Amino acid sequence: MAYVAVSGGEEAIEASIALLNYYRSGTDKDLDLEVIEEKMSLLVDRVMSEAGLYSKRYAALALKQCEGSSDEAVFLLRAYRSTLKRSYDTRVVNTQDMRIARRISAAFKDIPGGQVLGATYDYTHRLMNFSLETEDAPALQKKMRDLVQSQTPVEAPDSPRVSDTLKDEGLIDRFPANDEKPFDVTQNLLEFPAPRSARLQTLSRADTGFISGLAYSVLRGFGQVHPTVGELRVGAVELEVPYLENPEESLYIGDVLLTEVEVFNEADDKNQLKLSCGYGAVFGRNENKAIAMAVLDHELSTTGDFPTQNDEFVLMHGDSLEMNGFISHLKLPHYVTFQSKLDAVRKTRRKTT
């Protein structure tokens, strides 16, 4: 559908796009992509997560193209991703080997390997910092480099999963890895009940606000439990692809930054003296989304009457592209359908008067 009846036709549409470009340009000062990548990094990470494409540069370009709208940026990035050739599948990543930048647990004060606060807004005062109007970015960068150079390098401690300790005690069930190929939601139609691999992929690409709201509803009582964050870790993991001629050997192709979360809950069967676990993993520094994903992963593994336990409700309505696209389509012409509704109302009014 399109506004074919708009006066001016193609000329009007071209003028509209020209005006849009004027709004986007905004000022004579240009916005470099590196600036968006580094100074808007959390927004860039959100767009990469919801688009399902790990590319900070392209995510920054999409945000620049659409005036910072995360919805439109996800649309652009997904459309671009659909044109890319998939040449390889990486080996399964073991996040146990993550190069940790941040690691905390809300379940235990002392954990093997220690807690690492890293970079977080959790301990800031949430007050407007007006000095940022004249911030000296090079000076801040130099200050951190000098601080790092003044430190004595130490070997990173082993940081086993918090859940492994509870598994060793028999408090959480172990599920050994198998050779089952994960369901690919980008190439296959989602069916219900969905396998867990499909649920996790869909939640990872879902709109951050939507799944955060659903997870909040669980905490307020529209769900089974109040979970505890057993472990949250942010860090880089290495990606490897097998050599074509010798699949036993691998080729390192790069790193991706991930946020990974495990939440602990009471077991679904109250007669089992065990805990159950929900899991979340998303691109970049994206902590609230990863936690919400873990909460919903657990909810979808249980049965009940709450909306968050319904596969179709959660997975079909959280996709940022379909959700925003369908809402946006309401702006397009609905002349025939609305006239039909209007005629029905007028006809009913005539019968009752």
Protein backbone atom coordinates (compact mmCIF):
# COMPACT_ATOMS: atom_id res chain seq x y z
CA MET A 1 0.00 0.00 0.00
CA ALA A 2 1.07 3.56 -0.59
CA TYR A 3 -0.34 7.06 -0.75
CA VAL A 4 -1.07 6.87 -4.47
CA ALA A 5 -3.83 9.46 -4.15
CA VAL A 6 -1.56 12.12 -2.63
CA SER A 7 -1.49 15.25 -4.76
CA GLY A 8 1.75 15.44 -6.71
CA GLY A 9 2.47 11.70 -6.76
CA GLU A 10 6.15 10.91 -7.24
CA GLU A 11 7.15 14.57 -6.93
CA ALA A 12 5.52 14.76 -3.50
CA ILE A 13 7.32 11.59 -2.38
CA GLU A 14 10.68 12.89 -3.64
CA ALA A 15 10.11 16.17 -1.80
CA SER A 16 9.22 14.23 1.35
CA ILE A 17 12.49 12.28 1.16
CA ALA A 18 14.46 15.47 0.55
CA LEU A 19 12.87 17.01 3.64
CA LEU A 20 13.71 13.86 5.59
CA ASN A 21 17.36 14.16 4.57
CA TYR A 22 17.31 17.80 5.68
CA TYR A 23 15.97 16.81 9.10
CA ARG A 24 18.62 14.07 9.34
CA SER A 25 21.47 16.43 8.48
CA GLY A 26 20.30 18.79 11.22
CA THR A 27 23.42 20.97 11.29
CA ASP A 28 26.50 21.81 9.27
CA LYS A 29 28.54 19.66 11.67
CA ASP A 30 28.82 16.07 10.47
CA LEU A 31 28.60 13.02 12.76
CA ASP A 32 31.44 10.60 12.19
CA LEU A 33 30.62 6.90 12.37
CA GLU A 34 33.44 6.27 14.83
CA VAL A 35 31.85 8.80 17.16
CA ILE A 36 28.54 6.91 17.07
CA GLU A 37 30.31 3.56 17.55
CA GLU A 38 32.25 4.67 20.60
CA LYS A 39 30.11 7.34 22.25
CA MET A 40 26.76 5.66 21.62
CA SER A 41 28.08 2.14 22.17
CA LEU A 42 25.15 0.86 24.25
CA LEU A 43 22.69 1.97 21.56
CA VAL A 44 24.88 0.36 18.89
CA ASP A 45 24.94 -2.88 20.91
CA ARG A 46 21.15 -2.85 21.21
CA VAL A 47 20.72 -2.45 17.46
CA MET A 48 23.20 -5.26 16.74
CA SER A 49 21.36 -7.55 19.14
CA GLU A 50 17.91 -6.91 17.73
CA ALA A 51 19.17 -7.08 14.15
CA GLY A 52 21.09 -10.30 14.71
CA LEU A 53 24.18 -8.93 12.98
CA TYR A 54 27.44 -8.19 14.79
CA SER A 55 28.89 -5.13 13.08
CA LYS A 56 29.44 -1.96 15.06
CA ARG A 57 30.24 0.05 11.93
CA TYR A 58 27.07 -0.93 10.06
CA ALA A 59 24.93 -0.48 13.17
CA ALA A 60 26.38 3.04 13.56
CA LEU A 61 25.71 3.74 9.87
CA ALA A 62 22.10 2.58 10.22
CA LEU A 63 21.59 4.82 13.25
CA LYS A 64 23.03 7.78 11.39
CA GLN A 65 20.81 7.08 8.39
CA CYS A 66 17.60 7.06 10.44
CA GLU A 67 18.25 9.88 12.94
CA GLY A 68 19.00 7.52 15.83
CA SER A 69 15.76 5.52 15.65
CA SER A 70 16.65 2.04 16.93
CA ASP A 71 13.53 0.57 15.28
CA GLU A 72 14.45 1.85 11.82
CA ALA A 73 18.12 0.96 12.33
CA VAL A 74 17.19 -2.65 13.13
CA PHE A 75 15.03 -2.72 9.99
CA LEU A 76 17.93 -1.48 7.84
CA LEU A 77 20.46 -3.83 9.39
CA ARG A 78 18.23 -6.89 9.06
CA ALA A 79 17.48 -6.05 5.45
CA TYR A 80 21.21 -5.81 4.79
CA ARG A 81 21.93 -9.04 6.67
CA SER A 82 19.46 -10.89 4.45
CA THR A 83 21.66 -10.11 1.42
CA LEU A 84 24.82 -11.58 2.93
CA LYS A 85 26.15 -14.98 1.94
CA ARG A 86 26.56 -17.46 4.78
CA SER A 87 29.85 -19.20 4.00
CA TYR A 88 30.68 -20.91 7.29
CA ASP A 89 29.27 -22.01 10.60
CA THR A 90 31.54 -21.29 13.56
CA ARG A 91 32.42 -23.89 16.12
CA VAL A 92 30.36 -23.89 19.31
CA VAL A 93 31.65 -21.11 21.56
CA ASN A 94 32.53 -22.07 25.11
CA THR A 95 31.82 -18.93 27.13
CA GLN A 96 33.80 -20.47 29.97
CA ASP A 97 36.82 -19.14 28.03
CA MET A 98 35.41 -15.59 27.85
CA ARG A 99 37.89 -12.76 28.40
CA ILE A 100 35.92 -11.20 31.22
CA ALA A 101 35.43 -7.43 31.48
CA ARG A 102 32.63 -7.61 34.05
CA ARG A 103 31.36 -10.46 36.25
CA ILE A 104 28.95 -10.31 39.18
CA SER A 105 26.68 -12.61 41.14
CA ALA A 106 23.61 -11.63 43.13
CA ALA A 107 23.44 -15.12 44.64
CA PHE A 108 26.83 -15.30 46.38
CA LYS A 109 29.19 -12.71 47.81
CA ASP A 110 32.30 -14.77 47.18
CA ILE A 111 32.57 -16.70 43.92
CA PRO A 112 35.54 -18.59 42.41
CA GLY A 113 37.59 -16.11 40.42
CA GLY A 114 36.04 -13.15 42.25
CA GLN A 115 33.51 -10.54 41.25
CA VAL A 116 34.58 -7.90 38.74
CA LEU A 117 32.52 -4.71 38.70
CA GLY A 118 33.85 -3.48 35.37
CA ALA A 119 32.09 -0.59 33.66
CA THR A 120 28.51 -0.09 34.86
CA TYR A 121 26.01 2.66 35.58
CA ASP A 122 24.74 0.73 38.61
CA TYR A 123 26.80 2.80 41.06
CA THR A 124 26.46 6.23 39.45
CA HIS A 125 24.36 8.95 41.11
CA ARG A 126 22.03 9.40 38.12
CA LEU A 127 22.50 13.16 38.25
CA MET A 128 22.92 15.30 35.16
CA ASN A 129 26.59 15.98 34.53
CA PHE A 130 26.62 19.39 32.87
CA SER A 131 30.42 19.38 32.64
CA LEU A 132 30.07 16.97 29.69
CA GLU A 133 29.21 20.01 27.57
CA THR A 134 32.93 20.81 27.62
CA GLU A 135 34.29 17.29 28.11
CA ASP A 136 37.91 16.70 27.11
CA ALA A 137 37.73 13.21 25.58
CA PRO A 138 41.47 12.93 24.74
CA ALA A 139 42.34 13.75 28.37
CA LEU A 140 40.00 11.02 29.64
CA GLN A 141 41.55 8.52 27.24
CA LYS A 142 45.08 9.47 28.33
CA LYS A 143 44.13 9.20 32.01
CA MET A 144 42.93 5.61 31.54
CA ARG A 145 45.96 4.64 29.45
CA ASP A 146 48.29 6.02 32.13
CA LEU A 147 46.37 4.13 34.81
CA VAL A 148 46.62 0.86 32.89
CA GLN A 149 50.34 1.33 32.24
CA SER A 150 50.97 1.94 35.93
CA GLN A 151 49.46 -1.43 36.87
CA THR A 152 51.44 -4.64 37.25
CA PRO A 153 50.05 -7.29 34.87
CA VAL A 154 48.71 -10.40 36.58
CA GLU A 155 47.40 -13.62 35.18
CA ALA A 156 43.61 -13.69 34.98
CA PRO A 157 42.16 -16.06 37.57
CA ASP A 158 40.06 -19.04 36.58
CA SER A 159 36.41 -18.05 36.63
CA PRO A 160 34.29 -21.21 36.58
CA ARG A 161 30.57 -20.79 36.29
CA VAL A 162 28.71 -20.23 39.53
CA SER A 163 26.17 -22.80 38.37
CA ASP A 164 28.89 -25.47 38.06
CA THR A 165 29.33 -25.48 41.82
CA LEU A 166 25.62 -26.04 42.33
CA LYS A 167 25.61 -28.74 39.65
CA ASP A 168 28.43 -30.53 41.46
CA GLU A 169 26.22 -30.54 44.57
CA GLY A 170 23.32 -31.93 42.58
CA LEU A 171 21.25 -28.79 43.13
CA ILE A 172 20.95 -28.05 39.40
CA ASP A 173 20.56 -30.69 36.70
CA ARG A 174 23.27 -31.12 34.09
CA PHE A 175 22.38 -31.34 30.42
CA PRO A 176 25.37 -32.66 28.46
CA ALA A 177 26.07 -31.21 25.02
CA ASN A 178 24.80 -33.17 22.04
CA ASP A 179 25.20 -33.08 18.27
CA GLU A 180 21.67 -31.83 17.62
CA LYS A 181 21.77 -28.99 15.10
CA PRO A 182 20.25 -25.75 16.50
CA PHE A 183 17.05 -24.51 14.92
CA ASP A 184 17.78 -21.49 12.69
CA VAL A 185 15.00 -18.90 12.99
CA THR A 186 16.45 -16.86 10.10
CA GLN A 187 15.99 -19.69 7.62
CA ASN A 188 13.06 -21.68 8.99
CA LEU A 189 9.48 -20.83 9.87
CA LEU A 190 8.94 -20.72 13.62
CA GLU A 191 6.53 -23.43 14.74
CA PHE A 192 5.01 -24.17 18.12
CA PRO A 193 5.89 -25.61 20.49
CA ALA A 194 9.28 -24.15 19.61
CA PRO A 195 12.52 -25.94 20.53
CA ARG A 196 14.65 -24.17 23.11
CA SER A 197 17.31 -23.18 20.56
CA ALA A 198 14.61 -21.35 18.58
CA ARG A 199 13.28 -19.68 21.72
CA LEU A 200 16.72 -18.41 22.71
CA GLN A 201 17.48 -17.08 19.22
CA THR A 202 14.15 -15.31 19.02
CA LEU A 203 14.52 -13.78 22.47
CA SER A 204 18.06 -12.64 21.68
CA ARG A 205 16.75 -10.75 18.61
CA ALA A 206 13.56 -9.53 20.31
CA ASP A 207 12.78 -5.91 21.13
CA THR A 208 14.56 -4.99 24.36
CA GLY A 209 11.66 -2.99 25.77
CA PHE A 210 9.11 -5.71 25.03
CA ILE A 211 10.92 -8.58 26.74
CA SER A 212 11.97 -6.31 29.62
CA GLY A 213 8.30 -5.49 30.18
CA LEU A 214 7.34 -9.16 30.09
CA ALA A 215 10.11 -10.05 32.55
CA TYR A 216 8.90 -7.23 34.81
CA SER A 217 5.41 -8.73 34.73
CA VAL A 218 6.90 -12.01 35.98
CA LEU A 219 8.52 -10.24 38.92
CA ARG A 220 5.24 -8.49 39.80
CA GLY A 221 3.38 -11.78 40.09
CA PHE A 222 2.25 -12.58 36.54
CA GLY A 223 4.64 -15.50 36.45
CA GLN A 224 6.02 -18.36 38.47
CA VAL A 225 8.92 -17.04 40.52
CA HIS A 226 11.22 -14.24 41.58
CA PRO A 227 14.58 -15.34 40.08
CA THR A 228 18.08 -14.60 41.36
CA VAL A 229 20.93 -13.61 39.05
CA GLY A 230 23.37 -16.43 39.67
CA GLU A 231 25.96 -14.95 37.36
CA LEU A 232 26.23 -12.09 34.89
CA ARG A 233 29.34 -11.83 32.78
CA VAL A 234 30.38 -9.44 30.00
CA GLY A 235 33.39 -10.18 27.86
CA ALA A 236 34.87 -11.19 24.53
CA VAL A 237 34.70 -14.69 23.08
CA GLU A 238 36.73 -16.00 20.17
CA LEU A 239 35.07 -17.31 17.02
CA GLU A 240 36.63 -20.13 15.02
CA VAL A 241 35.63 -21.90 11.82
CA PRO A 242 36.87 -25.35 10.81
CA TYR A 243 39.24 -25.73 7.88
CA LEU A 244 37.38 -27.18 4.91
CA GLU A 245 40.09 -29.75 4.12
CA ASN A 246 40.77 -30.65 7.75
CA PRO A 247 37.70 -30.09 9.98
CA GLU A 248 39.72 -31.13 13.03
CA GLU A 249 41.65 -27.84 12.83
CA SER A 250 40.18 -24.36 13.25
CA LEU A 251 40.82 -20.87 11.98
CA TYR A 252 40.38 -17.90 14.34
CA ILE A 253 38.27 -15.22 12.62
CA GLY A 254 37.67 -12.65 15.37
CA ASP A 255 36.02 -11.77 18.67
CA VAL A 256 32.53 -10.74 19.65
CA LEU A 257 31.51 -8.98 22.85
CA LEU A 258 28.73 -10.79 24.72
CA THR A 259 26.61 -10.37 27.82
CA GLU A 260 25.67 -13.71 29.35
CA VAL A 261 23.33 -14.35 32.28
CA GLU A 262 22.14 -17.33 34.29
CA VAL A 263 19.25 -16.90 36.71
CA PHE A 264 18.31 -19.41 39.41
CA ASN A 265 14.75 -20.32 40.30
CA GLU A 266 12.94 -22.79 42.47
CA ALA A 267 12.34 -26.09 40.70
CA ASP A 268 9.01 -26.45 38.94
CA ASP A 269 8.33 -29.64 40.87
CA LYS A 270 8.16 -28.58 44.51
CA ASN A 271 8.92 -32.14 45.56
CA GLN A 272 12.32 -31.90 43.88
CA LEU A 273 14.84 -30.28 46.18
CA LYS A 274 16.61 -28.63 43.27
CA LEU A 275 16.92 -25.33 41.45
CA SER A 276 16.12 -24.64 37.81
CA CYS A 277 18.05 -22.27 35.59
CA GLY A 278 17.20 -19.70 32.89
CA TYR A 279 19.74 -18.52 30.34
CA GLY A 280 20.30 -15.36 28.31
CA ALA A 281 23.06 -14.24 25.93
CA VAL A 282 23.08 -11.18 23.68
CA PHE A 283 25.54 -9.13 21.65
CA GLY A 284 27.46 -6.34 23.35
CA ARG A 285 26.95 -4.74 26.76
CA ASN A 286 23.25 -5.41 27.10
CA GLU A 287 22.65 -6.50 30.68
CA ASN A 288 18.97 -5.80 31.27
CA LYS A 289 18.01 -7.55 28.05
CA ALA A 290 20.14 -10.60 28.89
CA ILE A 291 18.53 -10.81 32.34
CA ALA A 292 15.03 -10.43 30.89
CA MET A 293 15.86 -13.10 28.32
CA ALA A 294 16.99 -15.52 31.06
CA VAL A 295 13.80 -14.87 33.05
CA LEU A 296 11.61 -15.57 30.01
CA ASP A 297 13.67 -18.62 29.04
CA HIS A 298 12.75 -20.14 32.38
CA GLU A 299 9.11 -19.09 32.10
CA LEU A 300 8.76 -20.66 28.66
CA SER A 301 10.16 -23.94 29.98
CA THR A 302 7.28 -24.18 32.46
CA THR A 303 3.58 -24.72 31.97
CA GLY A 304 0.79 -22.50 33.19
CA ASP A 305 -1.75 -19.86 32.28
CA PHE A 306 0.44 -16.76 32.46
CA PRO A 307 1.15 -14.98 29.13
CA THR A 308 4.89 -15.34 29.72
CA GLN A 309 4.48 -19.13 29.64
CA ASN A 310 2.88 -19.04 26.19
CA ASP A 311 5.39 -19.63 23.37
CA GLU A 312 3.36 -17.94 20.67
CA PHE A 313 2.49 -14.87 22.75
CA VAL A 314 6.10 -14.18 23.77
CA LEU A 315 7.95 -15.15 20.60
CA MET A 316 5.55 -13.81 17.96
CA HIS A 317 5.01 -10.39 19.50
CA GLY A 318 8.53 -9.50 20.59
CA ASP A 319 10.19 -9.35 17.19
CA SER A 320 11.13 -5.70 16.80
CA LEU A 321 10.92 -5.74 13.00
CA GLU A 322 7.48 -7.34 12.73
CA MET A 323 6.10 -5.49 15.76
CA ASN A 324 7.09 -2.02 14.59
CA GLY A 325 6.35 -2.81 10.97
CA PHE A 326 2.81 -3.90 11.69
CA ILE A 327 2.13 -0.89 13.91
CA SER A 328 3.69 1.42 11.31
CA HIS A 329 1.48 0.02 8.55
CA LEU A 330 -1.52 1.61 10.28
CA LYS A 331 -0.30 4.94 8.81
CA LEU A 332 -0.82 3.65 5.29
CA PRO A 333 -4.13 4.08 3.40
CA HIS A 334 -7.04 2.00 4.65
CA TYR A 335 -9.68 3.87 2.69
CA VAL A 336 -11.75 0.87 1.60
CA THR A 337 -11.78 -0.95 4.94
CA PHE A 338 -12.57 2.22 6.87
CA GLN A 339 -15.40 3.17 4.52
CA SER A 340 -16.83 -0.32 5.01
CA LYS A 341 -16.75 0.17 8.79
CA LEU A 342 -18.27 3.63 8.44
CA ASP A 343 -21.08 2.33 6.21
CA ALA A 344 -21.86 -0.41 8.73
CA VAL A 345 -22.08 2.10 11.59
CA ARG A 346 -24.30 4.46 9.56
CA LYS A 347 -26.56 1.60 8.53
CA THR A 348 -26.92 0.48 12.15
CA ARG A 349 -27.67 4.03 13.29
CA ARG A 350 -30.43 4.38 10.65
CA LYS A 351 -32.05 1.15 11.84
CA THR A 352 -32.10 2.29 15.47
CA THR A 353 -33.51 5.78 14.81
